[in-house]
Amino acid sequence: MTDKTTTLTELKKHIQDFSDARGWRKNENAKDLVMALTVEAAELAEIFMWLHSDEVDSIKENPETFEHTQEELADVFWYLCRICEHFDIDISKAVENKTEKNAKKYPIKE
């Protein structure tokens, strides 16, 4: 799978199928999913916690740190997709709606 060849629908189904095969979705609830998302976001933030702003982009040069960053981003995305599934949220539509609101709130200055 790559971003160029995989649709968001396919990726969400992949996460659902993986979770279903392990029985993870049968007892899920919104609170636990949001808590898990928060923990994963904190684990992502921890990678950058003590890096100076000038050093942050250099994580790509350290294969171990870069792999860890990708794993934590995947975990964050994983739980975001599971929350969307739980509430039957179309994330593409939600992003579009939020973009429209932000366009009004933050108009382009000419």
N, C-alpha and C. Protein backbone atom coordinates (compact mmCIF):
# COMPACT_ATOMS: atom_id res chain seq x y z
N MET A 1 0.84 -1.19 0.00
CA MET A 1 0.00 0.00 0.00
C MET A 1 0.89 1.25 0.00
N THR A 2 0.49 2.23 -0.77
CA THR A 2 1.14 3.54 -0.75
C THR A 2 0.04 4.60 -0.84
N ASP A 3 0.40 5.83 -0.48
CA ASP A 3 -0.57 6.93 -0.58
C ASP A 3 -1.06 7.10 -2.01
N LYS A 4 -0.20 6.83 -2.98
CA LYS A 4 -0.56 7.04 -4.38
C LYS A 4 -1.48 5.95 -4.92
N THR A 5 -1.48 4.76 -4.30
CA THR A 5 -2.25 3.65 -4.85
C THR A 5 -3.40 3.19 -3.96
N THR A 6 -3.49 3.72 -2.74
CA THR A 6 -4.49 3.25 -1.78
C THR A 6 -5.46 4.37 -1.46
N THR A 7 -6.74 4.09 -1.57
CA THR A 7 -7.75 5.10 -1.22
C THR A 7 -7.93 5.12 0.29
N LEU A 8 -8.50 6.18 0.77
CA LEU A 8 -8.81 6.29 2.19
C LEU A 8 -9.80 5.20 2.61
N THR A 9 -10.76 4.91 1.75
CA THR A 9 -11.73 3.85 2.03
C THR A 9 -11.03 2.50 2.19
N GLU A 10 -10.09 2.20 1.31
CA GLU A 10 -9.34 0.94 1.40
C GLU A 10 -8.53 0.87 2.68
N LEU A 11 -7.91 1.96 3.04
CA LEU A 11 -7.09 2.00 4.25
C LEU A 11 -7.96 1.82 5.50
N LYS A 12 -9.10 2.49 5.54
CA LYS A 12 -10.01 2.33 6.67
C LYS A 12 -10.52 0.90 6.77
N LYS A 13 -10.81 0.27 5.63
CA LYS A 13 -11.26 -1.12 5.63
C LYS A 13 -10.15 -2.04 6.13
N HIS A 14 -8.93 -1.78 5.73
CA HIS A 14 -7.78 -2.55 6.18
C HIS A 14 -7.69 -2.51 7.72
N ILE A 15 -7.85 -1.34 8.29
CA ILE A 15 -7.81 -1.18 9.75
C ILE A 15 -8.98 -1.90 10.40
N GLN A 16 -10.17 -1.77 9.83
CA GLN A 16 -11.35 -2.46 10.37
C GLN A 16 -11.16 -3.97 10.33
N ASP A 17 -10.72 -4.48 9.19
CA ASP A 17 -10.54 -5.93 9.05
C ASP A 17 -9.51 -6.47 10.02
N PHE A 18 -8.40 -5.77 10.16
CA PHE A 18 -7.35 -6.17 11.09
C PHE A 18 -7.89 -6.19 12.52
N SER A 19 -8.61 -5.14 12.88
CA SER A 19 -9.18 -5.03 14.23
C SER A 19 -10.25 -6.09 14.47
N ASP A 20 -11.11 -6.31 13.48
CA ASP A 20 -12.17 -7.32 13.60
C ASP A 20 -11.58 -8.72 13.78
N ALA A 21 -10.54 -9.03 13.04
CA ALA A 21 -9.93 -10.36 13.11
C ALA A 21 -9.39 -10.66 14.50
N ARG A 22 -9.09 -9.62 15.26
CA ARG A 22 -8.55 -9.78 16.61
C ARG A 22 -9.61 -9.51 17.69
N GLY A 23 -10.84 -9.22 17.26
CA GLY A 23 -11.92 -8.97 18.20
C GLY A 23 -11.81 -7.65 18.94
N TRP A 24 -11.04 -6.73 18.39
CA TRP A 24 -10.82 -5.46 19.07
C TRP A 24 -12.02 -4.52 19.01
N ARG A 25 -12.83 -4.64 17.98
CA ARG A 25 -13.92 -3.67 17.82
C ARG A 25 -15.18 -4.06 18.57
N LYS A 26 -15.29 -5.29 19.03
CA LYS A 26 -16.55 -5.72 19.64
C LYS A 26 -16.84 -5.01 20.96
N ASN A 27 -15.82 -4.63 21.71
CA ASN A 27 -16.03 -3.96 22.99
C ASN A 27 -15.55 -2.52 22.99
N GLU A 28 -15.29 -1.98 21.81
CA GLU A 28 -14.75 -0.62 21.78
C GLU A 28 -15.81 0.40 22.17
N ASN A 29 -15.34 1.49 22.73
CA ASN A 29 -16.22 2.61 23.04
C ASN A 29 -15.45 3.90 22.73
N ALA A 30 -16.19 4.96 22.55
CA ALA A 30 -15.60 6.23 22.13
C ALA A 30 -14.55 6.73 23.11
N LYS A 31 -14.82 6.62 24.39
CA LYS A 31 -13.87 7.12 25.39
C LYS A 31 -12.53 6.42 25.26
N ASP A 32 -12.55 5.10 25.17
CA ASP A 32 -11.30 4.35 25.07
C ASP A 32 -10.55 4.66 23.78
N LEU A 33 -11.28 4.83 22.70
CA LEU A 33 -10.64 5.16 21.43
C LEU A 33 -9.98 6.53 21.49
N VAL A 34 -10.67 7.50 22.07
CA VAL A 34 -10.10 8.85 22.19
C VAL A 34 -8.91 8.84 23.14
N MET A 35 -9.00 8.09 24.22
CA MET A 35 -7.86 7.99 25.15
C MET A 35 -6.66 7.37 24.43
N ALA A 36 -6.89 6.31 23.65
CA ALA A 36 -5.81 5.67 22.92
C ALA A 36 -5.18 6.64 21.91
N LEU A 37 -6.02 7.41 21.22
CA LEU A 37 -5.52 8.42 20.28
C LEU A 37 -4.63 9.42 21.00
N THR A 38 -5.06 9.85 22.16
CA THR A 38 -4.30 10.83 22.95
C THR A 38 -2.95 10.25 23.37
N VAL A 39 -2.93 9.01 23.80
CA VAL A 39 -1.68 8.35 24.20
C VAL A 39 -0.74 8.26 23.01
N GLU A 40 -1.26 7.86 21.86
CA GLU A 40 -0.42 7.74 20.67
C GLU A 40 0.11 9.09 20.23
N ALA A 41 -0.71 10.13 20.32
CA ALA A 41 -0.25 11.48 19.97
C ALA A 41 0.86 11.93 20.92
N ALA A 42 0.72 11.57 22.20
CA ALA A 42 1.76 11.90 23.18
C ALA A 42 3.06 11.15 22.88
N GLU A 43 2.95 9.90 22.44
CA GLU A 43 4.14 9.14 22.08
C GLU A 43 4.83 9.76 20.87
N LEU A 44 4.07 10.28 19.93
CA LEU A 44 4.65 11.00 18.80
C LEU A 44 5.35 12.27 19.28
N ALA A 45 4.69 13.02 20.15
CA ALA A 45 5.27 14.26 20.67
C ALA A 45 6.56 13.99 21.44
N GLU A 46 6.61 12.85 22.12
CA GLU A 46 7.78 12.51 22.93
C GLU A 46 9.05 12.41 22.07
N ILE A 47 8.92 11.98 20.84
CA ILE A 47 10.07 11.89 19.95
C ILE A 47 10.73 13.25 19.78
N PHE A 48 9.93 14.30 19.75
CA PHE A 48 10.41 15.65 19.48
C PHE A 48 10.65 16.48 20.74
N MET A 49 10.27 15.94 21.88
CA MET A 49 10.22 16.71 23.12
C MET A 49 11.52 17.46 23.43
N TRP A 50 12.64 16.84 23.35
CA TRP A 50 13.88 17.49 23.77
C TRP A 50 14.75 17.94 22.61
N LEU A 51 14.20 17.89 21.41
CA LEU A 51 14.96 18.35 20.25
C LEU A 51 14.79 19.86 20.10
N HIS A 52 15.86 20.52 19.79
CA HIS A 52 15.79 21.95 19.48
C HIS A 52 15.11 22.09 18.11
N SER A 53 14.43 23.16 17.90
CA SER A 53 13.71 23.38 16.64
C SER A 53 14.60 23.18 15.42
N ASP A 54 15.87 23.55 15.54
CA ASP A 54 16.80 23.40 14.42
C ASP A 54 17.14 21.94 14.13
N GLU A 55 16.89 21.05 15.09
CA GLU A 55 17.26 19.64 14.94
C GLU A 55 16.11 18.76 14.44
N VAL A 56 14.90 19.24 14.52
CA VAL A 56 13.73 18.41 14.28
C VAL A 56 13.74 17.75 12.91
N ASP A 57 14.04 18.49 11.87
CA ASP A 57 14.00 17.92 10.52
C ASP A 57 15.08 16.87 10.30
N SER A 58 16.07 16.84 11.17
CA SER A 58 17.17 15.88 11.00
C SER A 58 16.78 14.47 11.44
N ILE A 59 15.58 14.27 11.97
CA ILE A 59 15.20 12.91 12.38
C ILE A 59 15.20 11.95 11.19
N LYS A 60 15.02 12.48 10.00
CA LYS A 60 15.05 11.62 8.80
C LYS A 60 16.43 11.00 8.60
N GLU A 61 17.45 11.61 9.15
CA GLU A 61 18.81 11.12 8.99
C GLU A 61 19.13 9.96 9.94
N ASN A 62 18.28 9.77 10.94
CA ASN A 62 18.47 8.68 11.89
C ASN A 62 17.41 7.62 11.60
N PRO A 63 17.80 6.51 10.97
CA PRO A 63 16.81 5.52 10.55
C PRO A 63 15.94 5.00 11.69
N GLU A 64 16.50 4.80 12.85
CA GLU A 64 15.73 4.28 13.98
C GLU A 64 14.68 5.29 14.45
N THR A 65 15.08 6.54 14.58
CA THR A 65 14.15 7.59 15.00
C THR A 65 13.09 7.84 13.94
N PHE A 66 13.50 7.82 12.69
CA PHE A 66 12.55 8.06 11.60
C PHE A 66 11.52 6.93 11.53
N GLU A 67 11.96 5.70 11.71
CA GLU A 67 11.04 4.57 11.73
C GLU A 67 10.07 4.69 12.91
N HIS A 68 10.59 5.07 14.07
CA HIS A 68 9.74 5.25 15.25
C HIS A 68 8.69 6.33 14.99
N THR A 69 9.09 7.41 14.35
CA THR A 69 8.17 8.50 14.01
C THR A 69 7.06 8.00 13.10
N GLN A 70 7.42 7.21 12.09
CA GLN A 70 6.42 6.66 11.18
C GLN A 70 5.45 5.74 11.91
N GLU A 71 5.98 4.94 12.83
CA GLU A 71 5.12 4.03 13.60
C GLU A 71 4.12 4.80 14.45
N GLU A 72 4.57 5.85 15.11
CA GLU A 72 3.67 6.63 15.96
C GLU A 72 2.64 7.39 15.13
N LEU A 73 3.04 7.90 13.97
CA LEU A 73 2.08 8.54 13.08
C LEU A 73 1.03 7.53 12.62
N ALA A 74 1.45 6.32 12.32
CA ALA A 74 0.50 5.28 11.91
C ALA A 74 -0.46 4.96 13.05
N ASP A 75 0.04 4.91 14.28
CA ASP A 75 -0.84 4.66 15.43
C ASP A 75 -1.87 5.76 15.60
N VAL A 76 -1.46 7.01 15.44
CA VAL A 76 -2.38 8.14 15.55
C VAL A 76 -3.45 8.03 14.46
N PHE A 77 -3.02 7.76 13.25
CA PHE A 77 -3.96 7.63 12.13
C PHE A 77 -4.91 6.46 12.36
N TRP A 78 -4.37 5.36 12.87
CA TRP A 78 -5.15 4.16 13.16
C TRP A 78 -6.34 4.50 14.06
N TYR A 79 -6.06 5.16 15.18
CA TYR A 79 -7.14 5.47 16.12
C TYR A 79 -8.07 6.55 15.58
N LEU A 80 -7.55 7.48 14.80
CA LEU A 80 -8.42 8.46 14.17
C LEU A 80 -9.43 7.75 13.26
N CYS A 81 -8.96 6.79 12.48
CA CYS A 81 -9.86 6.03 11.60
C CYS A 81 -10.86 5.21 12.41
N ARG A 82 -10.42 4.64 13.51
CA ARG A 82 -11.35 3.84 14.33
C ARG A 82 -12.42 4.72 14.97
N ILE A 83 -12.05 5.94 15.36
CA ILE A 83 -13.05 6.87 15.91
C ILE A 83 -14.05 7.27 14.83
N CYS A 84 -13.55 7.54 13.63
CA CYS A 84 -14.45 7.88 12.52
C CYS A 84 -15.41 6.73 12.25
N GLU A 85 -14.91 5.52 12.25
CA GLU A 85 -15.76 4.35 12.03
C GLU A 85 -16.79 4.21 13.14
N HIS A 86 -16.35 4.40 14.37
CA HIS A 86 -17.23 4.26 15.52
C HIS A 86 -18.44 5.20 15.42
N PHE A 87 -18.18 6.43 15.00
CA PHE A 87 -19.24 7.44 14.91
C PHE A 87 -19.80 7.60 13.50
N ASP A 88 -19.33 6.76 12.56
CA ASP A 88 -19.76 6.85 11.18
C ASP A 88 -19.52 8.25 10.62
N ILE A 89 -18.31 8.73 10.81
CA ILE A 89 -17.90 10.05 10.33
C ILE A 89 -17.14 9.89 9.02
N ASP A 90 -17.56 10.63 8.03
CA ASP A 90 -16.85 10.70 6.75
C ASP A 90 -15.77 11.77 6.93
N ILE A 91 -14.53 11.33 7.15
CA ILE A 91 -13.46 12.28 7.47
C ILE A 91 -13.19 13.24 6.32
N SER A 92 -13.35 12.79 5.09
CA SER A 92 -13.15 13.69 3.96
C SER A 92 -14.15 14.84 3.99
N LYS A 93 -15.40 14.51 4.28
CA LYS A 93 -16.44 15.54 4.36
C LYS A 93 -16.19 16.45 5.57
N ALA A 94 -15.76 15.86 6.68
CA ALA A 94 -15.47 16.66 7.88
C ALA A 94 -14.34 17.65 7.60
N VAL A 95 -13.31 17.21 6.89
CA VAL A 95 -12.20 18.11 6.54
C VAL A 95 -12.68 19.21 5.61
N GLU A 96 -13.50 18.83 4.64
CA GLU A 96 -14.05 19.83 3.72
C GLU A 96 -14.87 20.88 4.46
N ASN A 97 -15.74 20.44 5.36
CA ASN A 97 -16.57 21.37 6.14
C ASN A 97 -15.71 22.28 7.02
N LYS A 98 -14.68 21.70 7.64
CA LYS A 98 -13.81 22.51 8.51
C LYS A 98 -13.01 23.51 7.68
N THR A 99 -12.61 23.12 6.48
CA THR A 99 -11.88 24.03 5.60
C THR A 99 -12.75 25.23 5.24
N GLU A 100 -14.02 24.97 4.96
CA GLU A 100 -14.95 26.07 4.64
C GLU A 100 -15.08 27.03 5.82
N LYS A 101 -15.21 26.48 7.03
CA LYS A 101 -15.30 27.33 8.22
C LYS A 101 -14.02 28.13 8.41
N ASN A 102 -12.87 27.47 8.23
CA ASN A 102 -11.60 28.15 8.41
C ASN A 102 -11.38 29.24 7.35
N ALA A 103 -11.89 29.01 6.14
CA ALA A 103 -11.76 30.01 5.09
C ALA A 103 -12.50 31.29 5.46
N LYS A 104 -13.63 31.15 6.13
CA LYS A 104 -14.37 32.32 6.58
C LYS A 104 -13.70 32.97 7.79
N LYS A 105 -13.19 32.15 8.66
CA LYS A 105 -12.54 32.66 9.88
C LYS A 105 -11.19 33.30 9.58
N TYR A 106 -10.48 32.74 8.61
CA TYR A 106 -9.14 33.20 8.25
C TYR A 106 -9.08 33.51 6.75
N PRO A 107 -9.72 34.59 6.32
CA PRO A 107 -9.73 34.90 4.89
C PRO A 107 -8.33 35.27 4.40
N ILE A 108 -8.12 35.07 3.11
CA ILE A 108 -6.85 35.43 2.50
C ILE A 108 -6.73 36.94 2.50
N LYS A 109 -5.61 37.43 3.00
CA LYS A 109 -5.39 38.88 3.02
C LYS A 109 -4.69 39.28 1.74
N GLU A 110 -5.22 40.32 1.14
CA GLU A 110 -4.66 40.77 -0.13
C GLU A 110 -3.87 42.01 0.02
